[in-house]
Amino acid sequence: MTLINLKTYMLGTFLGIIPLSLTYAWLGAAGKQALSGGDRLPLVLALTMFSGLSILPVAWRKRGGGRGEGGMGNE
């Protein structure tokens, strides 16, 4: 089905999905707290983390860490 082995797939999934999923959950909880009149600092930190994780792939590719146009290697 694919040329990617299971270990590479699992590592890519962990590094690509888990951090943003945790950040989304944190952002939702912090947003609810801020809208309820609570502390806004966790919301600012969650937004900063979300922004940083969102920009990371672009910065990685500009730095030369990407593997080509599609990101899948040289097919």
Protein backbone atom coordinates (compact mmCIF):
# COMPACT_ATOMS: atom_id res chain seq x y z
CA MET A 1 0.00 0.00 0.00
CA THR A 2 2.75 2.47 0.89
CA LEU A 3 6.51 2.67 0.88
CA ILE A 4 6.59 4.17 4.39
CA ASN A 5 7.45 1.65 7.09
CA LEU A 6 5.41 1.45 10.29
CA LYS A 7 8.09 2.97 12.55
CA THR A 8 8.43 6.06 10.33
CA TYR A 9 4.66 6.38 10.05
CA MET A 10 4.17 6.20 13.82
CA LEU A 11 6.97 8.69 14.50
CA GLY A 12 5.56 11.10 11.91
CA THR A 13 2.09 10.76 13.37
CA PHE A 14 3.35 11.37 16.90
CA LEU A 15 5.42 14.41 15.94
CA GLY A 16 2.85 15.81 13.51
CA ILE A 17 -0.48 15.26 15.23
CA ILE A 18 -0.03 14.88 18.99
CA PRO A 19 1.51 18.32 19.75
CA LEU A 20 -1.21 20.25 17.91
CA SER A 21 -3.95 18.06 19.36
CA LEU A 22 -2.75 18.81 22.88
CA THR A 23 -2.46 22.50 22.01
CA TYR A 24 -6.03 22.56 20.64
CA ALA A 25 -7.32 21.02 23.85
CA TRP A 26 -5.33 23.48 25.97
CA LEU A 27 -6.56 26.39 23.81
CA GLY A 28 -10.18 25.33 24.30
CA ALA A 29 -9.84 24.96 28.06
CA ALA A 30 -7.95 28.25 28.41
CA GLY A 31 -10.46 30.04 26.18
CA LYS A 32 -13.37 28.78 28.25
CA GLN A 33 -11.61 29.92 31.42
CA ALA A 34 -10.90 33.38 29.96
CA LEU A 35 -14.49 33.79 28.71
CA SER A 36 -15.77 32.85 32.17
CA GLY A 37 -13.89 35.80 33.64
CA GLY A 38 -10.84 33.81 34.71
CA ASP A 39 -7.15 34.39 34.12
CA ARG A 40 -6.17 35.24 30.53
CA LEU A 41 -2.51 34.23 30.79
CA PRO A 42 -3.15 30.55 29.94
CA LEU A 43 -5.05 31.67 26.83
CA VAL A 44 -2.16 33.88 25.72
CA LEU A 45 0.31 31.04 26.33
CA ALA A 46 -1.89 28.57 24.43
CA LEU A 47 -2.21 30.97 21.49
CA THR A 48 1.55 31.48 21.50
CA MET A 49 2.13 27.72 21.50
CA PHE A 50 -0.41 27.24 18.71
CA SER A 51 1.23 29.97 16.62
CA GLY A 52 4.69 28.53 17.17
CA LEU A 53 3.65 25.01 16.22
CA SER A 54 1.80 26.32 13.16
CA ILE A 55 4.83 28.26 11.91
CA LEU A 56 7.30 25.45 12.64
CA PRO A 57 6.78 23.50 9.36
CA VAL A 58 7.20 26.64 7.26
CA ALA A 59 10.38 27.60 9.12
CA TRP A 60 11.69 24.04 8.80
CA ARG A 61 11.17 24.02 5.04
CA LYS A 62 12.72 27.49 4.57
CA ARG A 63 15.72 26.32 6.60
CA GLY A 64 16.21 23.50 4.14
CA GLY A 65 14.84 20.67 6.27
CA GLY A 66 12.08 19.73 3.79
CA ARG A 67 12.41 16.87 1.35
CA GLY A 68 11.18 18.55 -1.77
CA GLU A 69 7.98 20.04 -3.02
CA GLY A 70 5.59 17.40 -1.72
CA GLY A 71 7.54 16.55 1.40
CA MET A 72 7.63 12.84 0.54
CA GLY A 73 11.14 12.55 -0.79
CA ASN A 74 12.49 12.33 -4.30
CA GLU A 75 10.04 10.12 -6.16
